[in-house]
Amino acid sequence: MNLTIEIDNKEDYFFVKQLLERLKGVRIVENNYEMVEGLPSHIFEEIEKYGESLKDKDMISKKDFFKFIDEEICRLNSQK
């Protein structure tokens, strides 16, 4: 099980870290990267790179997208 705790007050960090380390099986993993909307910022950078690499042939129209979604909803509903 993974648990993420964000601590704004740096003075509280050491207290919470010591408290958690006393629990059996707990491992502290520090991440020193910037978070954006709950995700590391490098994730957004990679998504942006991927988006820039897409070509027109990789795209579908909005109409085709919603047609596909409707077909999948019908397919999933018919399995019930």
PDB file of N, CA and C in Angstrom:
ATOM      1  N   MET A   1       0.853  -1.166   0.000  1.00  0.00           N
ATOM      2  CA  MET A   1       0.000   0.000   0.000  1.00  0.00           C
ATOM      3  C   MET A   1       0.898   1.228   0.000  1.00  0.00           C
ATOM      4  N   ASN A   2       0.540   2.200  -0.783  1.00  0.00           N
ATOM      5  CA  ASN A   2       1.284   3.453  -0.839  1.00  0.00           C
ATOM      6  C   ASN A   2       0.453   4.560  -0.231  1.00  0.00           C
ATOM      7  N   LEU A   3       1.128   5.473   0.450  1.00  0.00           N
ATOM      8  CA  LEU A   3       0.471   6.621   1.056  1.00  0.00           C
ATOM      9  C   LEU A   3       1.340   7.833   0.802  1.00  0.00           C
ATOM     10  N   THR A   4       0.735   8.893   0.330  1.00  0.00           N
ATOM     11  CA  THR A   4       1.459  10.132   0.093  1.00  0.00           C
ATOM     12  C   THR A   4       0.987  11.158   1.101  1.00  0.00           C
ATOM     13  N   ILE A   5       1.941  11.760   1.796  1.00  0.00           N
ATOM     14  CA  ILE A   5       1.630  12.799   2.772  1.00  0.00           C
ATOM     15  C   ILE A   5       2.381  14.050   2.369  1.00  0.00           C
ATOM     16  N   GLU A   6       1.664  15.143   2.236  1.00  0.00           N
ATOM     17  CA  GLU A   6       2.297  16.427   1.946  1.00  0.00           C
ATOM     18  C   GLU A   6       2.313  17.240   3.226  1.00  0.00           C
ATOM     19  N   ILE A   7       3.493  17.708   3.598  1.00  0.00           N
ATOM     20  CA  ILE A   7       3.650  18.487   4.818  1.00  0.00           C
ATOM     21  C   ILE A   7       4.162  19.867   4.433  1.00  0.00           C
ATOM     22  N   ASP A   8       3.383  20.877   4.762  1.00  0.00           N
ATOM     23  CA  ASP A   8       3.756  22.251   4.413  1.00  0.00           C
ATOM     24  C   ASP A   8       4.798  22.815   5.375  1.00  0.00           C
ATOM     25  N   ASN A   9       4.697  22.455   6.631  1.00  0.00           N
ATOM     26  CA  ASN A   9       5.592  22.991   7.652  1.00  0.00           C
ATOM     27  C   ASN A   9       6.823  22.094   7.783  1.00  0.00           C
ATOM     28  N   LYS A  10       7.992  22.588   7.389  1.00  0.00           N
ATOM     29  CA  LYS A  10       9.213  21.781   7.412  1.00  0.00           C
ATOM     30  C   LYS A  10       9.578  21.297   8.812  1.00  0.00           C
ATOM     31  N   GLU A  11       9.221  22.062   9.840  1.00  0.00           N
ATOM     32  CA  GLU A  11       9.539  21.643  11.206  1.00  0.00           C
ATOM     33  C   GLU A  11       8.768  20.375  11.573  1.00  0.00           C
ATOM     34  N   ASP A  12       7.566  20.215  11.042  1.00  0.00           N
ATOM     35  CA  ASP A  12       6.752  19.026  11.329  1.00  0.00           C
ATOM     36  C   ASP A  12       7.258  17.798  10.591  1.00  0.00           C
ATOM     37  N   TYR A  13       7.989  17.977   9.511  1.00  0.00           N
ATOM     38  CA  TYR A  13       8.444  16.854   8.696  1.00  0.00           C
ATOM     39  C   TYR A  13       9.250  15.852   9.514  1.00  0.00           C
ATOM     40  N   PHE A  14      10.200  16.319  10.284  1.00  0.00           N
ATOM     41  CA  PHE A  14      11.060  15.408  11.025  1.00  0.00           C
ATOM     42  C   PHE A  14      10.283  14.656  12.099  1.00  0.00           C
ATOM     43  N   PHE A  15       9.321  15.315  12.736  1.00  0.00           N
ATOM     44  CA  PHE A  15       8.486  14.654  13.725  1.00  0.00           C
ATOM     45  C   PHE A  15       7.659  13.545  13.082  1.00  0.00           C
ATOM     46  N   VAL A  16       7.013  13.852  11.953  1.00  0.00           N
ATOM     47  CA  VAL A  16       6.175  12.875  11.266  1.00  0.00           C
ATOM     48  C   VAL A  16       7.032  11.732  10.732  1.00  0.00           C
ATOM     49  N   LYS A  17       8.197  12.044  10.210  1.00  0.00           N
ATOM     50  CA  LYS A  17       9.104  11.012   9.695  1.00  0.00           C
ATOM     51  C   LYS A  17       9.517  10.051  10.802  1.00  0.00           C
ATOM     52  N   GLN A  18       9.899  10.569  11.955  1.00  0.00           N
ATOM     53  CA  GLN A  18      10.285   9.713  13.081  1.00  0.00           C
ATOM     54  C   GLN A  18       9.109   8.856  13.546  1.00  0.00           C
ATOM     55  N   LEU A  19       7.933   9.444  13.591  1.00  0.00           N
ATOM     56  CA  LEU A  19       6.741   8.719  14.005  1.00  0.00           C
ATOM     57  C   LEU A  19       6.436   7.561  13.052  1.00  0.00           C
ATOM     58  N   LEU A  20       6.504   7.818  11.765  1.00  0.00           N
ATOM     59  CA  LEU A  20       6.219   6.782  10.775  1.00  0.00           C
ATOM     60  C   LEU A  20       7.286   5.691  10.759  1.00  0.00           C
ATOM     61  N   GLU A  21       8.535   6.061  10.981  1.00  0.00           N
ATOM     62  CA  GLU A  21       9.610   5.078  10.966  1.00  0.00           C
ATOM     63  C   GLU A  21       9.487   4.077  12.105  1.00  0.00           C
ATOM     64  N   ARG A  22       8.759   4.423  13.149  1.00  0.00           N
ATOM     65  CA  ARG A  22       8.556   3.504  14.274  1.00  0.00           C
ATOM     66  C   ARG A  22       7.582   2.386  13.923  1.00  0.00           C
ATOM     67  N   LEU A  23       6.781   2.585  12.896  1.00  0.00           N
ATOM     68  CA  LEU A  23       5.819   1.568  12.486  1.00  0.00           C
ATOM     69  C   LEU A  23       6.518   0.471  11.696  1.00  0.00           C
ATOM     70  N   LYS A  24       6.124  -0.757  11.950  1.00  0.00           N
ATOM     71  CA  LYS A  24       6.728  -1.906  11.280  1.00  0.00           C
ATOM     72  C   LYS A  24       6.378  -1.894   9.791  1.00  0.00           C
ATOM     73  N   GLY A  25       7.380  -2.070   8.949  1.00  0.00           N
ATOM     74  CA  GLY A  25       7.164  -2.167   7.517  1.00  0.00           C
ATOM     75  C   GLY A  25       7.026  -0.843   6.787  1.00  0.00           C
ATOM     76  N   VAL A  26       7.212   0.270   7.479  1.00  0.00           N
ATOM     77  CA  VAL A  26       7.076   1.573   6.830  1.00  0.00           C
ATOM     78  C   VAL A  26       8.430   1.999   6.271  1.00  0.00           C
ATOM     79  N   ARG A  27       8.412   2.460   5.050  1.00  0.00           N
ATOM     80  CA  ARG A  27       9.618   2.947   4.393  1.00  0.00           C
ATOM     81  C   ARG A  27       9.340   4.363   3.926  1.00  0.00           C
ATOM     82  N   ILE A  28      10.241   5.263   4.203  1.00  0.00           N
ATOM     83  CA  ILE A  28      10.092   6.656   3.810  1.00  0.00           C
ATOM     84  C   ILE A  28      10.796   6.847   2.466  1.00  0.00           C
ATOM     85  N   VAL A  29      10.045   7.316   1.479  1.00  0.00           N
ATOM     86  CA  VAL A  29      10.593   7.602   0.156  1.00  0.00           C
ATOM     87  C   VAL A  29      10.413   9.092  -0.070  1.00  0.00           C
ATOM     88  N   GLU A  30      11.518   9.795  -0.147  1.00  0.00           N
ATOM     89  CA  GLU A  30      11.448  11.242  -0.350  1.00  0.00           C
ATOM     90  C   GLU A  30      11.417  11.542  -1.843  1.00  0.00           C
ATOM     91  N   ASN A  31      10.551  12.450  -2.226  1.00  0.00           N
ATOM     92  CA  ASN A  31      10.560  12.918  -3.603  1.00  0.00           C
ATOM     93  C   ASN A  31      10.810  14.419  -3.567  1.00  0.00           C
ATOM     94  N   ASN A  32      11.850  14.808  -4.212  1.00  0.00           N
ATOM     95  CA  ASN A  32      12.254  16.216  -4.202  1.00  0.00           C
ATOM     96  C   ASN A  32      11.937  16.897  -5.526  1.00  0.00           C
ATOM     97  N   TYR A  33      10.835  16.485  -6.149  1.00  0.00           N
ATOM     98  CA  TYR A  33      10.476  17.112  -7.404  1.00  0.00           C
ATOM     99  C   TYR A  33       9.203  17.917  -7.232  1.00  0.00           C
ATOM    100  N   GLU A  34       9.045  18.865  -8.110  1.00  0.00           N
ATOM    101  CA  GLU A  34       7.904  19.770  -8.057  1.00  0.00           C
ATOM    102  C   GLU A  34       6.635  19.034  -8.475  1.00  0.00           C
ATOM    103  N   MET A  35       5.558  19.254  -7.741  1.00  0.00           N
ATOM    104  CA  MET A  35       4.286  18.613  -8.042  1.00  0.00           C
ATOM    105  C   MET A  35       3.334  19.633  -8.677  1.00  0.00           C
ATOM    106  N   VAL A  36       2.589  19.191  -9.673  1.00  0.00           N
ATOM    107  CA  VAL A  36       1.571  20.007 -10.323  1.00  0.00           C
ATOM    108  C   VAL A  36       0.308  19.161 -10.372  1.00  0.00           C
ATOM    109  N   GLU A  37      -0.742  19.639  -9.743  1.00  0.00           N
ATOM    110  CA  GLU A  37      -2.023  18.933  -9.717  1.00  0.00           C
ATOM    111  C   GLU A  37      -1.864  17.485  -9.257  1.00  0.00           C
ATOM    112  N   GLY A  38      -1.019  17.260  -8.275  1.00  0.00           N
ATOM    113  CA  GLY A  38      -0.851  15.930  -7.703  1.00  0.00           C
ATOM    114  C   GLY A  38       0.076  15.010  -8.472  1.00  0.00           C
ATOM    115  N   LEU A  39       0.666  15.495  -9.552  1.00  0.00           N
ATOM    116  CA  LEU A  39       1.599  14.690 -10.340  1.00  0.00           C
ATOM    117  C   LEU A  39       2.936  15.409 -10.445  1.00  0.00           C
ATOM    118  N   PRO A  40       4.028  14.652 -10.554  1.00  0.00           N
ATOM    119  CA  PRO A  40       5.325  15.300 -10.761  1.00  0.00           C
ATOM    120  C   PRO A  40       5.314  16.110 -12.056  1.00  0.00           C
ATOM    121  N   SER A  41       5.944  17.271 -12.030  1.00  0.00           N
ATOM    122  CA  SER A  41       5.903  18.170 -13.188  1.00  0.00           C
ATOM    123  C   SER A  41       6.526  17.542 -14.431  1.00  0.00           C
ATOM    124  N   HIS A  42       7.475  16.611 -14.275  1.00  0.00           N
ATOM    125  CA  HIS A  42       8.095  16.008 -15.461  1.00  0.00           C
ATOM    126  C   HIS A  42       7.097  15.151 -16.246  1.00  0.00           C
ATOM    127  N   ILE A  43       6.028  14.691 -15.603  1.00  0.00           N
ATOM    128  CA  ILE A  43       4.990  13.943 -16.313  1.00  0.00           C
ATOM    129  C   ILE A  43       4.325  14.847 -17.349  1.00  0.00           C
ATOM    130  N   PHE A  44       4.006  16.081 -16.942  1.00  0.00           N
ATOM    131  CA  PHE A  44       3.378  17.023 -17.867  1.00  0.00           C
ATOM    132  C   PHE A  44       4.330  17.381 -19.010  1.00  0.00           C
ATOM    133  N   GLU A  45       5.618  17.467 -18.716  1.00  0.00           N
ATOM    134  CA  GLU A  45       6.596  17.766 -19.760  1.00  0.00           C
ATOM    135  C   GLU A  45       6.646  16.641 -20.793  1.00  0.00           C
ATOM    136  N   GLU A  46       6.598  15.392 -20.319  1.00  0.00           N
ATOM    137  CA  GLU A  46       6.628  14.253 -21.244  1.00  0.00           C
ATOM    138  C   GLU A  46       5.351  14.186 -22.077  1.00  0.00           C
ATOM    139  N   ILE A  47       4.207  14.495 -21.467  1.00  0.00           N
ATOM    140  CA  ILE A  47       2.950  14.510 -22.210  1.00  0.00           C
ATOM    141  C   ILE A  47       2.993  15.589 -23.291  1.00  0.00           C
ATOM    142  N   GLU A  48       3.563  16.742 -22.941  1.00  0.00           N
ATOM    143  CA  GLU A  48       3.687  17.829 -23.920  1.00  0.00           C
ATOM    144  C   GLU A  48       4.576  17.415 -25.084  1.00  0.00           C
ATOM    145  N   LYS A  49       5.695  16.750 -24.795  1.00  0.00           N
ATOM    146  CA  LYS A  49       6.580  16.266 -25.863  1.00  0.00           C
ATOM    147  C   LYS A  49       5.843  15.281 -26.766  1.00  0.00           C
ATOM    148  N   TYR A  50       5.082  14.381 -26.132  1.00  0.00           N
ATOM    149  CA  TYR A  50       4.326  13.406 -26.913  1.00  0.00           C
ATOM    150  C   TYR A  50       3.313  14.118 -27.812  1.00  0.00           C
ATOM    151  N   GLY A  51       2.607  15.095 -27.267  1.00  0.00           N
ATOM    152  CA  GLY A  51       1.622  15.846 -28.039  1.00  0.00           C
ATOM    153  C   GLY A  51       2.242  16.538 -29.232  1.00  0.00           C
ATOM    154  N   GLU A  52       3.439  17.081 -29.038  1.00  0.00           N
ATOM    155  CA  GLU A  52       4.121  17.764 -30.138  1.00  0.00           C
ATOM    156  C   GLU A  52       4.582  16.792 -31.215  1.00  0.00           C
ATOM    157  N   SER A  53       4.799  15.529 -30.844  1.00  0.00           N
ATOM    158  CA  SER A  53       5.280  14.548 -31.816  1.00  0.00           C
ATOM    159  C   SER A  53       4.163  13.945 -32.660  1.00  0.00           C
ATOM    160  N   LEU A  54       2.900  14.174 -32.276  1.00  0.00           N
ATOM    161  CA  LEU A  54       1.788  13.602 -33.029  1.00  0.00           C
ATOM    162  C   LEU A  54       1.644  14.255 -34.396  1.00  0.00           C
ATOM    163  N   LYS A  55       1.273  13.451 -35.347  1.00  0.00           N
ATOM    164  CA  LYS A  55       1.053  13.920 -36.718  1.00  0.00           C
ATOM    165  C   LYS A  55      -0.446  13.891 -37.003  1.00  0.00           C
ATOM    166  N   ASP A  56      -0.862  14.537 -38.083  1.00  0.00           N
ATOM    167  CA  ASP A  56      -2.272  14.556 -38.464  1.00  0.00           C
ATOM    168  C   ASP A  56      -2.822  13.147 -38.653  1.00  0.00           C
ATOM    169  N   LYS A  57      -2.003  12.246 -39.172  1.00  0.00           N
ATOM    170  CA  LYS A  57      -2.481  10.878 -39.405  1.00  0.00           C
ATOM    171  C   LYS A  57      -2.763  10.146 -38.091  1.00  0.00           C
ATOM    172  N   ASP A  58      -2.214  10.640 -36.981  1.00  0.00           N
ATOM    173  CA  ASP A  58      -2.447  10.029 -35.677  1.00  0.00           C
ATOM    174  C   ASP A  58      -3.756  10.485 -35.044  1.00  0.00           C
ATOM    175  N   MET A  59      -4.375  11.502 -35.599  1.00  0.00           N
ATOM    176  CA  MET A  59      -5.554  12.130 -35.002  1.00  0.00           C
ATOM    177  C   MET A  59      -6.844  11.564 -35.581  1.00  0.00           C
ATOM    178  N   ILE A  60      -7.941  11.729 -34.813  1.00  0.00           N
ATOM    179  CA  ILE A  60      -9.271  11.457 -35.335  1.00  0.00           C
ATOM    180  C   ILE A  60     -10.114  12.705 -35.074  1.00  0.00           C
ATOM    181  N   SER A  61     -11.172  12.824 -35.813  1.00  0.00           N
ATOM    182  CA  SER A  61     -12.044  13.994 -35.653  1.00  0.00           C
ATOM    183  C   SER A  61     -12.872  13.851 -34.379  1.00  0.00           C
ATOM    184  N   LYS A  62     -13.401  14.966 -33.935  1.00  0.00           N
ATOM    185  CA  LYS A  62     -14.273  14.963 -32.756  1.00  0.00           C
ATOM    186  C   LYS A  62     -15.497  14.080 -33.031  1.00  0.00           C
ATOM    187  N   LYS A  63     -16.023  14.184 -34.239  1.00  0.00           N
ATOM    188  CA  LYS A  63     -17.189  13.385 -34.626  1.00  0.00           C
ATOM    189  C   LYS A  63     -16.869  11.894 -34.544  1.00  0.00           C
ATOM    190  N   ASP A  64     -15.723  11.481 -35.092  1.00  0.00           N
ATOM    191  CA  ASP A  64     -15.321  10.072 -35.052  1.00  0.00           C
ATOM    192  C   ASP A  64     -15.064   9.605 -33.620  1.00  0.00           C
ATOM    193  N   PHE A  65     -14.507  10.480 -32.814  1.00  0.00           N
ATOM    194  CA  PHE A  65     -14.241  10.143 -31.419  1.00  0.00           C
ATOM    195  C   PHE A  65     -15.547   9.829 -30.687  1.00  0.00           C
ATOM    196  N   PHE A  66     -16.536  10.705 -30.812  1.00  0.00           N
ATOM    197  CA  PHE A  66     -17.803  10.487 -30.124  1.00  0.00           C
ATOM    198  C   PHE A  66     -18.563   9.289 -30.709  1.00  0.00           C
ATOM    199  N   LYS A  67     -18.401   9.048 -32.005  1.00  0.00           N
ATOM    200  CA  LYS A  67     -19.007   7.856 -32.610  1.00  0.00           C
ATOM    201  C   LYS A  67     -18.395   6.603 -31.984  1.00  0.00           C
ATOM    202  N   PHE A  68     -17.093   6.584 -31.830  1.00  0.00           N
ATOM    203  CA  PHE A  68     -16.401   5.459 -31.208  1.00  0.00           C
ATOM    204  C   PHE A  68     -16.867   5.269 -29.764  1.00  0.00           C
ATOM    205  N   ILE A  69     -16.985   6.363 -29.018  1.00  0.00           N
ATOM    206  CA  ILE A  69     -17.436   6.294 -27.626  1.00  0.00           C
ATOM    207  C   ILE A  69     -18.841   5.711 -27.558  1.00  0.00           C
ATOM    208  N   ASP A  70     -19.747   6.181 -28.423  1.00  0.00           N
ATOM    209  CA  ASP A  70     -21.117   5.664 -28.449  1.00  0.00           C
ATOM    210  C   ASP A  70     -21.140   4.166 -28.747  1.00  0.00           C
ATOM    211  N   GLU A  71     -20.324   3.744 -29.703  1.00  0.00           N
ATOM    212  CA  GLU A  71     -20.261   2.322 -30.047  1.00  0.00           C
ATOM    213  C   GLU A  71     -19.747   1.489 -28.867  1.00  0.00           C
ATOM    214  N   GLU A  72     -18.749   2.004 -28.169  1.00  0.00           N
ATOM    215  CA  GLU A  72     -18.200   1.272 -27.020  1.00  0.00           C
ATOM    216  C   GLU A  72     -19.209   1.197 -25.875  1.00  0.00           C
ATOM    217  N   ILE A  73     -19.946   2.268 -25.666  1.00  0.00           N
ATOM    218  CA  ILE A  73     -20.986   2.259 -24.617  1.00  0.00           C
ATOM    219  C   ILE A  73     -22.033   1.209 -24.959  1.00  0.00           C
ATOM    220  N   CYS A  74     -22.467   1.165 -26.208  1.00  0.00           N
ATOM    221  CA  CYS A  74     -23.443   0.168 -26.629  1.00  0.00           C
ATOM    222  C   CYS A  74     -22.892  -1.251 -26.456  1.00  0.00           C
ATOM    223  N   ARG A  75     -21.646  -1.442 -26.834  1.00  0.00           N
ATOM    224  CA  ARG A  75     -21.011  -2.762 -26.719  1.00  0.00           C
ATOM    225  C   ARG A  75     -20.939  -3.184 -25.257  1.00  0.00           C
ATOM    226  N   LEU A  76     -20.518  -2.284 -24.385  1.00  0.00           N
ATOM    227  CA  LEU A  76     -20.404  -2.612 -22.976  1.00  0.00           C
ATOM    228  C   LEU A  76     -21.776  -2.857 -22.338  1.00  0.00           C
ATOM    229  N   ASN A  77     -22.767  -2.069 -22.721  1.00  0.00           N
ATOM    230  CA  ASN A  77     -24.119  -2.255 -22.193  1.00  0.00           C
ATOM    231  C   ASN A  77     -24.737  -3.568 -22.660  1.00  0.00           C
ATOM    232  N   SER A  78     -24.403  -4.019 -23.865  1.00  0.00           N
ATOM    233  CA  SER A  78     -24.968  -5.250 -24.391  1.00  0.00           C
ATOM    234  C   SER A  78     -24.384  -6.482 -23.697  1.00  0.00           C
ATOM    235  N   GLN A  79     -23.265  -6.332 -23.005  1.00  0.00           N
ATOM    236  CA  GLN A  79     -22.635  -7.460 -22.307  1.00  0.00           C
ATOM    237  C   GLN A  79     -23.281  -7.747 -20.953  1.00  0.00           C
ATOM    238  N   LYS A  80     -24.122  -6.832 -20.496  1.00  0.00           N
ATOM    239  CA  LYS A  80     -24.717  -6.993 -19.164  1.00  0.00           C
ATOM    240  C   LYS A  80     -25.767  -8.071 -19.142  1.00  0.00           C
TER     241      LYS A  80
END
